[in-house]
Amino acid sequence: MLQLNLLPDVKKEFLHAERQRNLVVTICIFAGIVAVAVVGLLGLAMAAQMVQKNILNGNIDRDKKTIQQDQSTKQLNEYLTVQNQLSQINSLKESQPILSRLFDYLKQLNPADPNGAELNSVMITSGDGGGTIQLQGTVANFAALDVYRTTLTLTEITYSTGGNSDSVTEPLFQTVTVNEAGLSQSGSGGGSISFTISLEYNPAAFKSDSVGVTLKIPQKTTSDADRNAPSRSVFNGQDVDTNNTTGGTDNSNGSSNQTTNSGGSNGVSN
């Protein structure tokens, strides 16, 4: 079959160039679309980063303000607490009991030999309404223990408060209770009496506003049997001398014992 090409070479070149032009335009359009998409994506990414950055900055600023407020509030509370404690120092100092007076009291309250007591343990508890003292120690015999207990019971305290010049005299101990008393053997074969005494003391004895404190200790401390003995003999009607100042005697029945206390009426250093 015979085919004749009636198109001139110029026409063919024109068509070829037109096809190439269309191809280039298509490629450019596609490249432009891709570029626009990439730019859009980059813009969105940058916008997202800016939004996230703003959110993070806002959180940081909020947390910073919260921390500053908490710090200022805590420091303010600490300052107020310290200031309140400082303002109460004087009142606490004034209300603080002077427990060191106990050493002077115990020294003065100990009877003279042979009725003296040797203390092994002293415990004191204090409170607003007073307190207690627990004494543990040993004495030579039960008569000496009775003398010691009687001395504690009969001792009075004289003091004045604040600017009041009038002195007050009251019992030093409100209650004196012998909780335990028993015979204990020593290593040398001799015996002694171990005891535990509970005392409920007068609150004024240790108050800081109690001034001019002195103890009025009975000069002649006898046992209960001596103090409760009749003044006249039931046998011959003669007066019985209950003020004998001789030393203590240990009878078989332990009913008559007496000692002269060396404490007397002594002042207590504040």
C-alpha atoms as a PDB file:
ATOM      1  CA  MET A   1       0.000   0.000   0.000  1.00  0.00           C
ATOM      2  CA  LEU A   2       1.351   3.311  -0.929  1.00  0.00           C
ATOM      3  CA  GLN A   3       1.184   6.194   1.627  1.00  0.00           C
ATOM      4  CA  LEU A   4       1.898   9.752   0.758  1.00  0.00           C
ATOM      5  CA  ASN A   5       2.931  12.289   3.421  1.00  0.00           C
ATOM      6  CA  LEU A   6       1.344  15.485   2.320  1.00  0.00           C
ATOM      7  CA  LEU A   7       2.439  17.480   5.438  1.00  0.00           C
ATOM      8  CA  PRO A   8       5.476  19.575   4.939  1.00  0.00           C
ATOM      9  CA  ASP A   9       8.432  19.272   7.330  1.00  0.00           C
ATOM     10  CA  VAL A  10       7.637  22.625   8.845  1.00  0.00           C
ATOM     11  CA  LYS A  11       4.230  21.457   9.924  1.00  0.00           C
ATOM     12  CA  LYS A  12       5.682  18.381  11.538  1.00  0.00           C
ATOM     13  CA  GLU A  13       8.211  20.391  13.468  1.00  0.00           C
ATOM     14  CA  PHE A  14       5.459  22.721  14.608  1.00  0.00           C
ATOM     15  CA  LEU A  15       3.392  19.877  15.933  1.00  0.00           C
ATOM     16  CA  HIS A  16       6.413  18.354  17.651  1.00  0.00           C
ATOM     17  CA  ALA A  17       7.225  21.662  19.345  1.00  0.00           C
ATOM     18  CA  GLU A  18       3.614  22.090  20.375  1.00  0.00           C
ATOM     19  CA  ARG A  19       3.595  18.672  22.019  1.00  0.00           C
ATOM     20  CA  GLN A  20       6.792  19.491  23.890  1.00  0.00           C
ATOM     21  CA  ARG A  21       5.335  22.809  24.985  1.00  0.00           C
ATOM     22  CA  ASN A  22       2.239  21.115  26.327  1.00  0.00           C
ATOM     23  CA  LEU A  23       4.382  18.587  28.158  1.00  0.00           C
ATOM     24  CA  VAL A  24       6.499  21.318  29.755  1.00  0.00           C
ATOM     25  CA  VAL A  25       3.419  23.306  30.755  1.00  0.00           C
ATOM     26  CA  THR A  26       1.880  20.202  32.308  1.00  0.00           C
ATOM     27  CA  ILE A  27       5.057  19.450  34.193  1.00  0.00           C
ATOM     28  CA  CYS A  28       5.306  23.047  35.395  1.00  0.00           C
ATOM     29  CA  ILE A  29       1.714  23.064  36.524  1.00  0.00           C
ATOM     30  CA  PHE A  30       2.245  19.811  38.425  1.00  0.00           C
ATOM     31  CA  ALA A  31       5.467  21.146  39.947  1.00  0.00           C
ATOM     32  CA  GLY A  32       3.678  24.360  40.952  1.00  0.00           C
ATOM     33  CA  ILE A  33       0.907  22.395  42.592  1.00  0.00           C
ATOM     34  CA  VAL A  34       3.465  20.282  44.471  1.00  0.00           C
ATOM     35  CA  ALA A  35       5.374  23.415  45.521  1.00  0.00           C
ATOM     36  CA  VAL A  36       2.201  25.093  46.734  1.00  0.00           C
ATOM     37  CA  ALA A  37       1.305  21.955  48.694  1.00  0.00           C
ATOM     38  CA  VAL A  38       4.774  21.823  50.228  1.00  0.00           C
ATOM     39  CA  VAL A  39       4.636  25.498  51.129  1.00  0.00           C
ATOM     40  CA  GLY A  40       1.192  24.993  52.635  1.00  0.00           C
ATOM     41  CA  LEU A  41       2.399  22.068  54.661  1.00  0.00           C
ATOM     42  CA  LEU A  42       5.405  24.027  55.846  1.00  0.00           C
ATOM     43  CA  GLY A  43       3.136  26.934  56.772  1.00  0.00           C
ATOM     44  CA  LEU A  44       0.864  24.646  58.701  1.00  0.00           C
ATOM     45  CA  ALA A  45       3.860  23.113  60.495  1.00  0.00           C
ATOM     46  CA  MET A  46       5.203  26.553  61.391  1.00  0.00           C
ATOM     47  CA  ALA A  47       1.781  27.666  62.545  1.00  0.00           C
ATOM     48  CA  ALA A  48       1.452  24.538  64.690  1.00  0.00           C
ATOM     49  CA  GLN A  49       4.880  25.196  66.168  1.00  0.00           C
ATOM     50  CA  MET A  50       3.946  28.784  66.956  1.00  0.00           C
ATOM     51  CA  VAL A  51       0.720  27.682  68.607  1.00  0.00           C
ATOM     52  CA  GLN A  52       2.526  25.015  70.623  1.00  0.00           C
ATOM     53  CA  LYS A  53       5.206  27.533  71.596  1.00  0.00           C
ATOM     54  CA  ASN A  54       2.584  29.981  72.782  1.00  0.00           C
ATOM     55  CA  ILE A  55       0.854  27.253  74.790  1.00  0.00           C
ATOM     56  CA  LEU A  56       4.129  26.192  76.406  1.00  0.00           C
ATOM     57  CA  ASN A  57       5.058  29.804  77.203  1.00  0.00           C
ATOM     58  CA  GLY A  58       1.642  30.293  78.763  1.00  0.00           C
ATOM     59  CA  ASN A  59       2.052  27.181  80.894  1.00  0.00           C
ATOM     60  CA  ILE A  60       5.525  28.289  81.951  1.00  0.00           C
ATOM     61  CA  ASP A  61       4.289  31.745  82.933  1.00  0.00           C
ATOM     62  CA  ARG A  62       1.346  30.277  84.838  1.00  0.00           C
ATOM     63  CA  ASP A  63       3.536  27.788  86.684  1.00  0.00           C
ATOM     64  CA  LYS A  64       6.056  30.530  87.457  1.00  0.00           C
ATOM     65  CA  LYS A  65       3.359  32.718  88.967  1.00  0.00           C
ATOM     66  CA  THR A  66       2.004  29.765  90.964  1.00  0.00           C
ATOM     67  CA  ILE A  67       5.479  28.977  92.316  1.00  0.00           C
ATOM     68  CA  GLN A  68       6.066  32.594  93.239  1.00  0.00           C
ATOM     69  CA  GLN A  69       2.711  32.826  94.977  1.00  0.00           C
ATOM     70  CA  ASP A  70       3.318  29.581  96.878  1.00  0.00           C
ATOM     71  CA  GLN A  71       6.770  30.726  97.919  1.00  0.00           C
ATOM     72  CA  SER A  72       5.518  34.105  99.080  1.00  0.00           C
ATOM     73  CA  THR A  73       2.616  32.511 100.961  1.00  0.00           C
ATOM     74  CA  LYS A  74       4.815  29.906 102.676  1.00  0.00           C
ATOM     75  CA  GLN A  75       7.425  32.477 103.591  1.00  0.00           C
ATOM     76  CA  LEU A  76       4.695  34.729 104.934  1.00  0.00           C
ATOM     77  CA  ASN A  77       3.313  31.898 107.045  1.00  0.00           C
ATOM     78  CA  GLU A  78       6.806  31.123 108.314  1.00  0.00           C
ATOM     79  CA  TYR A  79       7.384  34.772 109.159  1.00  0.00           C
ATOM     80  CA  LEU A  80       4.062  34.935 110.984  1.00  0.00           C
ATOM     81  CA  THR A  81       4.827  31.722 112.861  1.00  0.00           C
ATOM     82  CA  VAL A  82       8.252  32.955 113.949  1.00  0.00           C
ATOM     83  CA  GLN A  83       6.842  36.350 114.919  1.00  0.00           C
ATOM     84  CA  ASN A  84       4.098  34.694 116.972  1.00  0.00           C
ATOM     85  CA  GLN A  85       6.627  32.476 118.713  1.00  0.00           C
ATOM     86  CA  LEU A  86       8.874  35.446 119.463  1.00  0.00           C
ATOM     87  CA  SER A  87       5.952  37.358 120.936  1.00  0.00           C
ATOM     88  CA  GLN A  88       5.206  34.448 123.283  1.00  0.00           C
ATOM     89  CA  ILE A  89       8.749  34.027 124.585  1.00  0.00           C
ATOM     90  CA  ASN A  90       8.296  36.509 127.428  1.00  0.00           C
ATOM     91  CA  SER A  91       5.007  34.996 128.556  1.00  0.00           C
ATOM     92  CA  LEU A  92       6.442  31.476 128.359  1.00  0.00           C
ATOM     93  CA  LYS A  93       9.486  32.581 130.320  1.00  0.00           C
ATOM     94  CA  GLU A  94       7.296  34.125 133.004  1.00  0.00           C
ATOM     95  CA  SER A  95       5.118  31.033 133.302  1.00  0.00           C
ATOM     96  CA  GLN A  96       8.035  28.597 133.258  1.00  0.00           C
ATOM     97  CA  PRO A  97       8.394  26.831 136.622  1.00  0.00           C
ATOM     98  CA  ILE A  98      11.723  27.132 138.434  1.00  0.00           C
ATOM     99  CA  LEU A  99      12.314  23.439 139.030  1.00  0.00           C
ATOM    100  CA  SER A 100      15.883  24.038 140.242  1.00  0.00           C
ATOM    101  CA  ARG A 101      14.393  25.017 143.620  1.00  0.00           C
ATOM    102  CA  LEU A 102      13.787  21.322 144.210  1.00  0.00           C
ATOM    103  CA  PHE A 103      17.452  20.752 145.089  1.00  0.00           C
ATOM    104  CA  ASP A 104      17.278  23.333 147.891  1.00  0.00           C
ATOM    105  CA  TYR A 105      13.978  21.900 149.105  1.00  0.00           C
ATOM    106  CA  LEU A 106      15.279  18.338 149.315  1.00  0.00           C
ATOM    107  CA  LYS A 107      18.410  19.435 151.137  1.00  0.00           C
ATOM    108  CA  GLN A 108      16.422  21.312 153.774  1.00  0.00           C
ATOM    109  CA  LEU A 109      13.750  18.631 154.146  1.00  0.00           C
ATOM    110  CA  ASN A 110      16.190  15.828 154.922  1.00  0.00           C
ATOM    111  CA  PRO A 111      16.138  15.183 158.703  1.00  0.00           C
ATOM    112  CA  ALA A 112      19.329  15.066 160.726  1.00  0.00           C
ATOM    113  CA  ASP A 113      20.967  11.758 161.546  1.00  0.00           C
ATOM    114  CA  PRO A 114      20.054   9.128 162.561  1.00  0.00           C
ATOM    115  CA  ASN A 115      16.791   9.760 160.700  1.00  0.00           C
ATOM    116  CA  GLY A 116      18.326  11.080 157.489  1.00  0.00           C
ATOM    117  CA  ALA A 117      17.163   9.703 154.147  1.00  0.00           C
ATOM    118  CA  GLU A 118      19.400   8.766 151.238  1.00  0.00           C
ATOM    119  CA  LEU A 119      17.585   9.449 147.971  1.00  0.00           C
ATOM    120  CA  ASN A 120      18.327   7.290 144.949  1.00  0.00           C
ATOM    121  CA  SER A 121      15.801   8.682 142.484  1.00  0.00           C
ATOM    122  CA  VAL A 122      13.772  11.890 142.211  1.00  0.00           C
ATOM    123  CA  MET A 123      11.134  12.383 139.501  1.00  0.00           C
ATOM    124  CA  ILE A 124       9.016  15.515 139.133  1.00  0.00           C
ATOM    125  CA  THR A 125       6.080  16.248 136.845  1.00  0.00           C
ATOM    126  CA  SER A 126       4.722  19.746 136.437  1.00  0.00           C
ATOM    127  CA  GLY A 127       1.478  21.187 135.083  1.00  0.00           C
ATOM    128  CA  ASP A 128      -0.726  24.253 135.189  1.00  0.00           C
ATOM    129  CA  GLY A 129      -2.513  23.093 138.336  1.00  0.00           C
ATOM    130  CA  GLY A 130       0.550  21.747 140.107  1.00  0.00           C
ATOM    131  CA  GLY A 131       2.367  18.453 139.863  1.00  0.00           C
ATOM    132  CA  THR A 132       3.832  15.497 141.690  1.00  0.00           C
ATOM    133  CA  ILE A 133       7.228  14.444 142.989  1.00  0.00           C
ATOM    134  CA  GLN A 134       8.240  10.824 143.460  1.00  0.00           C
ATOM    135  CA  LEU A 135      11.087  10.043 145.857  1.00  0.00           C
ATOM    136  CA  GLN A 136      12.875   6.714 146.060  1.00  0.00           C
ATOM    137  CA  GLY A 137      15.550   6.058 148.656  1.00  0.00           C
ATOM    138  CA  THR A 138      16.528   4.335 151.869  1.00  0.00           C
ATOM    139  CA  VAL A 139      16.429   5.115 155.604  1.00  0.00           C
ATOM    140  CA  ALA A 140      17.849   3.307 158.611  1.00  0.00           C
ATOM    141  CA  ASN A 141      14.540   1.952 159.962  1.00  0.00           C
ATOM    142  CA  PHE A 142      10.785   2.397 159.854  1.00  0.00           C
ATOM    143  CA  ALA A 143      10.928   4.994 162.623  1.00  0.00           C
ATOM    144  CA  ALA A 144      13.224   7.152 160.475  1.00  0.00           C
ATOM    145  CA  LEU A 145      10.810   6.730 157.554  1.00  0.00           C
ATOM    146  CA  ASP A 146       7.950   7.926 159.765  1.00  0.00           C
ATOM    147  CA  VAL A 147      10.018  10.946 160.815  1.00  0.00           C
ATOM    148  CA  TYR A 148      10.815  11.768 157.182  1.00  0.00           C
ATOM    149  CA  ARG A 149       7.177  11.441 156.136  1.00  0.00           C
ATOM    150  CA  THR A 150       6.045  13.625 159.036  1.00  0.00           C
ATOM    151  CA  THR A 151       8.642  16.256 158.150  1.00  0.00           C
ATOM    152  CA  LEU A 152       7.336  16.395 154.602  1.00  0.00           C
ATOM    153  CA  THR A 153       3.745  16.598 155.824  1.00  0.00           C
ATOM    154  CA  LEU A 154       4.270  19.419 158.354  1.00  0.00           C
ATOM    155  CA  THR A 155       6.600  21.636 156.296  1.00  0.00           C
ATOM    156  CA  GLU A 156       5.101  24.958 155.197  1.00  0.00           C
ATOM    157  CA  ILE A 157       6.152  27.392 152.502  1.00  0.00           C
ATOM    158  CA  THR A 158       6.098  31.172 152.879  1.00  0.00           C
ATOM    159  CA  TYR A 159       6.150  33.387 149.800  1.00  0.00           C
ATOM    160  CA  SER A 160       4.787  36.543 148.230  1.00  0.00           C
ATOM    161  CA  THR A 161       3.592  37.082 144.683  1.00  0.00           C
ATOM    162  CA  GLY A 162       4.446  39.917 142.315  1.00  0.00           C
ATOM    163  CA  GLY A 163       4.253  43.373 143.841  1.00  0.00           C
ATOM    164  CA  ASN A 164       2.220  42.131 146.787  1.00  0.00           C
ATOM    165  CA  SER A 165       4.243  42.663 149.947  1.00  0.00           C
ATOM    166  CA  ASP A 166       1.980  40.435 152.074  1.00  0.00           C
ATOM    167  CA  SER A 167       3.450  36.973 152.491  1.00  0.00           C
ATOM    168  CA  VAL A 168       1.409  33.789 152.341  1.00  0.00           C
ATOM    169  CA  THR A 169       2.094  30.646 154.358  1.00  0.00           C
ATOM    170  CA  GLU A 170       0.737  27.354 153.066  1.00  0.00           C
ATOM    171  CA  PRO A 171       1.610  23.653 153.301  1.00  0.00           C
ATOM    172  CA  LEU A 172       4.438  22.763 150.948  1.00  0.00           C
ATOM    173  CA  PHE A 173       2.890  19.429 150.036  1.00  0.00           C
ATOM    174  CA  GLN A 174      -0.830  18.883 149.665  1.00  0.00           C
ATOM    175  CA  THR A 175      -0.558  15.111 149.974  1.00  0.00           C
ATOM    176  CA  VAL A 176       2.255  12.832 151.175  1.00  0.00           C
ATOM    177  CA  THR A 177       1.801   9.147 150.383  1.00  0.00           C
ATOM    178  CA  VAL A 178       4.197   6.295 151.152  1.00  0.00           C
ATOM    179  CA  ASN A 179       3.605   3.952 148.222  1.00  0.00           C
ATOM    180  CA  GLU A 180       6.169   1.313 149.073  1.00  0.00           C
ATOM    181  CA  ALA A 181       8.290   0.507 152.111  1.00  0.00           C
ATOM    182  CA  GLY A 182      10.256  -2.653 152.712  1.00  0.00           C
ATOM    183  CA  LEU A 183      13.366  -4.084 154.297  1.00  0.00           C
ATOM    184  CA  SER A 184      16.404  -4.379 152.055  1.00  0.00           C
ATOM    185  CA  GLN A 185      19.623  -6.193 152.937  1.00  0.00           C
ATOM    186  CA  SER A 186      22.989  -4.554 152.318  1.00  0.00           C
ATOM    187  CA  GLY A 187      26.198  -6.328 151.385  1.00  0.00           C
ATOM    188  CA  SER A 188      27.657  -5.961 154.893  1.00  0.00           C
ATOM    189  CA  GLY A 189      24.768  -7.890 156.396  1.00  0.00           C
ATOM    190  CA  GLY A 190      22.976  -4.871 157.786  1.00  0.00           C
ATOM    191  CA  GLY A 191      19.483  -3.871 156.808  1.00  0.00           C
ATOM    192  CA  SER A 192      17.815  -0.654 155.693  1.00  0.00           C
ATOM    193  CA  ILE A 193      14.351   0.416 154.653  1.00  0.00           C
ATOM    194  CA  SER A 194      13.771   1.221 151.015  1.00  0.00           C
ATOM    195  CA  PHE A 195      10.788   3.441 150.244  1.00  0.00           C
ATOM    196  CA  THR A 196       8.851   5.214 147.524  1.00  0.00           C
ATOM    197  CA  ILE A 197       6.996   8.403 148.461  1.00  0.00           C
ATOM    198  CA  SER A 198       4.631  10.374 146.191  1.00  0.00           C
ATOM    199  CA  LEU A 199       4.170  14.082 146.902  1.00  0.00           C
ATOM    200  CA  GLU A 200       1.611  16.473 145.470  1.00  0.00           C
ATOM    201  CA  TYR A 201       3.332  19.829 145.803  1.00  0.00           C
ATOM    202  CA  ASN A 202       1.989  23.354 146.136  1.00  0.00           C
ATOM    203  CA  PRO A 203       2.208  25.044 142.692  1.00  0.00           C
ATOM    204  CA  ALA A 204       3.570  28.212 144.309  1.00  0.00           C
ATOM    205  CA  ALA A 205       6.717  26.322 145.289  1.00  0.00           C
ATOM    206  CA  PHE A 206       8.070  26.516 141.743  1.00  0.00           C
ATOM    207  CA  LYS A 207       6.260  29.504 140.202  1.00  0.00           C
ATOM    208  CA  SER A 208       8.506  32.208 138.816  1.00  0.00           C
ATOM    209  CA  ASP A 209       6.352  34.974 140.317  1.00  0.00           C
ATOM    210  CA  SER A 210       6.747  33.525 143.819  1.00  0.00           C
ATOM    211  CA  VAL A 211       9.396  35.654 145.531  1.00  0.00           C
ATOM    212  CA  GLY A 212      10.905  35.553 148.997  1.00  0.00           C
ATOM    213  CA  VAL A 213      10.326  31.816 149.175  1.00  0.00           C
ATOM    214  CA  THR A 214      11.240  30.233 152.525  1.00  0.00           C
ATOM    215  CA  LEU A 215      10.477  26.872 154.084  1.00  0.00           C
ATOM    216  CA  LYS A 216       9.151  26.572 157.613  1.00  0.00           C
ATOM    217  CA  ILE A 217      10.359  23.156 158.672  1.00  0.00           C
ATOM    218  CA  PRO A 218       9.305  21.800 162.105  1.00  0.00           C
ATOM    219  CA  GLN A 219      12.269  22.012 164.454  1.00  0.00           C
ATOM    220  CA  LYS A 220      11.103  18.926 166.368  1.00  0.00           C
ATOM    221  CA  THR A 221       9.735  16.270 164.123  1.00  0.00           C
ATOM    222  CA  THR A 222       8.277  13.282 165.949  1.00  0.00           C
ATOM    223  CA  SER A 223       6.449  10.198 164.919  1.00  0.00           C
ATOM    224  CA  ASP A 224       2.675   9.975 164.797  1.00  0.00           C
ATOM    225  CA  ALA A 225       2.713   8.021 168.062  1.00  0.00           C
ATOM    226  CA  ASP A 226       4.578  10.840 169.825  1.00  0.00           C
ATOM    227  CA  ARG A 227       2.328  13.588 168.448  1.00  0.00           C
ATOM    228  CA  ASN A 228      -0.861  11.692 169.247  1.00  0.00           C
ATOM    229  CA  ALA A 229       0.229  10.543 172.736  1.00  0.00           C
ATOM    230  CA  PRO A 230      -1.882  11.865 175.680  1.00  0.00           C
ATOM    231  CA  SER A 231      -0.477  14.855 177.554  1.00  0.00           C
ATOM    232  CA  ARG A 232      -1.121  13.196 180.964  1.00  0.00           C
ATOM    233  CA  SER A 233      -0.256   9.706 182.025  1.00  0.00           C
ATOM    234  CA  VAL A 234      -3.246   7.447 182.430  1.00  0.00           C
ATOM    235  CA  PHE A 235      -1.476   5.656 185.298  1.00  0.00           C
ATOM    236  CA  ASN A 236      -0.193   8.328 187.695  1.00  0.00           C
ATOM    237  CA  GLY A 237      -1.942  11.461 186.376  1.00  0.00           C
ATOM    238  CA  GLN A 238       1.409  13.259 185.807  1.00  0.00           C
ATOM    239  CA  ASP A 239       2.166  15.353 182.719  1.00  0.00           C
ATOM    240  CA  VAL A 240       4.043  13.525 180.002  1.00  0.00           C
ATOM    241  CA  ASP A 241       7.034  15.326 178.471  1.00  0.00           C
ATOM    242  CA  THR A 242       6.521  15.068 174.685  1.00  0.00           C
ATOM    243  CA  ASN A 243       9.123  17.729 173.870  1.00  0.00           C
ATOM    244  CA  ASN A 244      12.193  15.639 174.601  1.00  0.00           C
ATOM    245  CA  THR A 245      14.973  16.865 172.313  1.00  0.00           C
ATOM    246  CA  THR A 246      17.190  13.812 172.545  1.00  0.00           C
ATOM    247  CA  GLY A 247      18.111  11.782 169.499  1.00  0.00           C
ATOM    248  CA  GLY A 248      15.947   9.097 168.005  1.00  0.00           C
ATOM    249  CA  THR A 249      15.545   5.818 169.815  1.00  0.00           C
ATOM    250  CA  ASP A 250      14.683   2.591 168.099  1.00  0.00           C
ATOM    251  CA  ASN A 251      12.389   0.650 170.444  1.00  0.00           C
ATOM    252  CA  SER A 252      11.178  -2.815 169.724  1.00  0.00           C
ATOM    253  CA  ASN A 253       7.684  -1.559 168.930  1.00  0.00           C
ATOM    254  CA  GLY A 254       8.936   1.515 166.945  1.00  0.00           C
ATOM    255  CA  SER A 255       6.362   3.850 168.519  1.00  0.00           C
ATOM    256  CA  SER A 256       8.529   6.641 169.972  1.00  0.00           C
ATOM    257  CA  ASN A 257      11.132   8.342 167.780  1.00  0.00           C
ATOM    258  CA  GLN A 258      12.170  11.983 167.609  1.00  0.00           C
ATOM    259  CA  THR A 259      14.836  14.078 165.912  1.00  0.00           C
ATOM    260  CA  THR A 260      15.794  17.703 165.574  1.00  0.00           C
ATOM    261  CA  ASN A 261      15.689  18.775 161.895  1.00  0.00           C
ATOM    262  CA  SER A 262      18.707  20.762 160.831  1.00  0.00           C
ATOM    263  CA  GLY A 263      16.793  22.651 158.143  1.00  0.00           C
ATOM    264  CA  GLY A 264      14.839  25.075 160.285  1.00  0.00           C
ATOM    265  CA  SER A 265      13.351  27.989 158.385  1.00  0.00           C
ATOM    266  CA  ASN A 266      15.536  28.635 155.381  1.00  0.00           C
ATOM    267  CA  GLY A 267      15.240  30.771 152.346  1.00  0.00           C
ATOM    268  CA  VAL A 268      15.254  29.324 148.843  1.00  0.00           C
ATOM    269  CA  SER A 269      17.229  30.970 146.118  1.00  0.00           C
ATOM    270  CA  ASN A 270      15.203  31.989 143.112  1.00  0.00           C
END
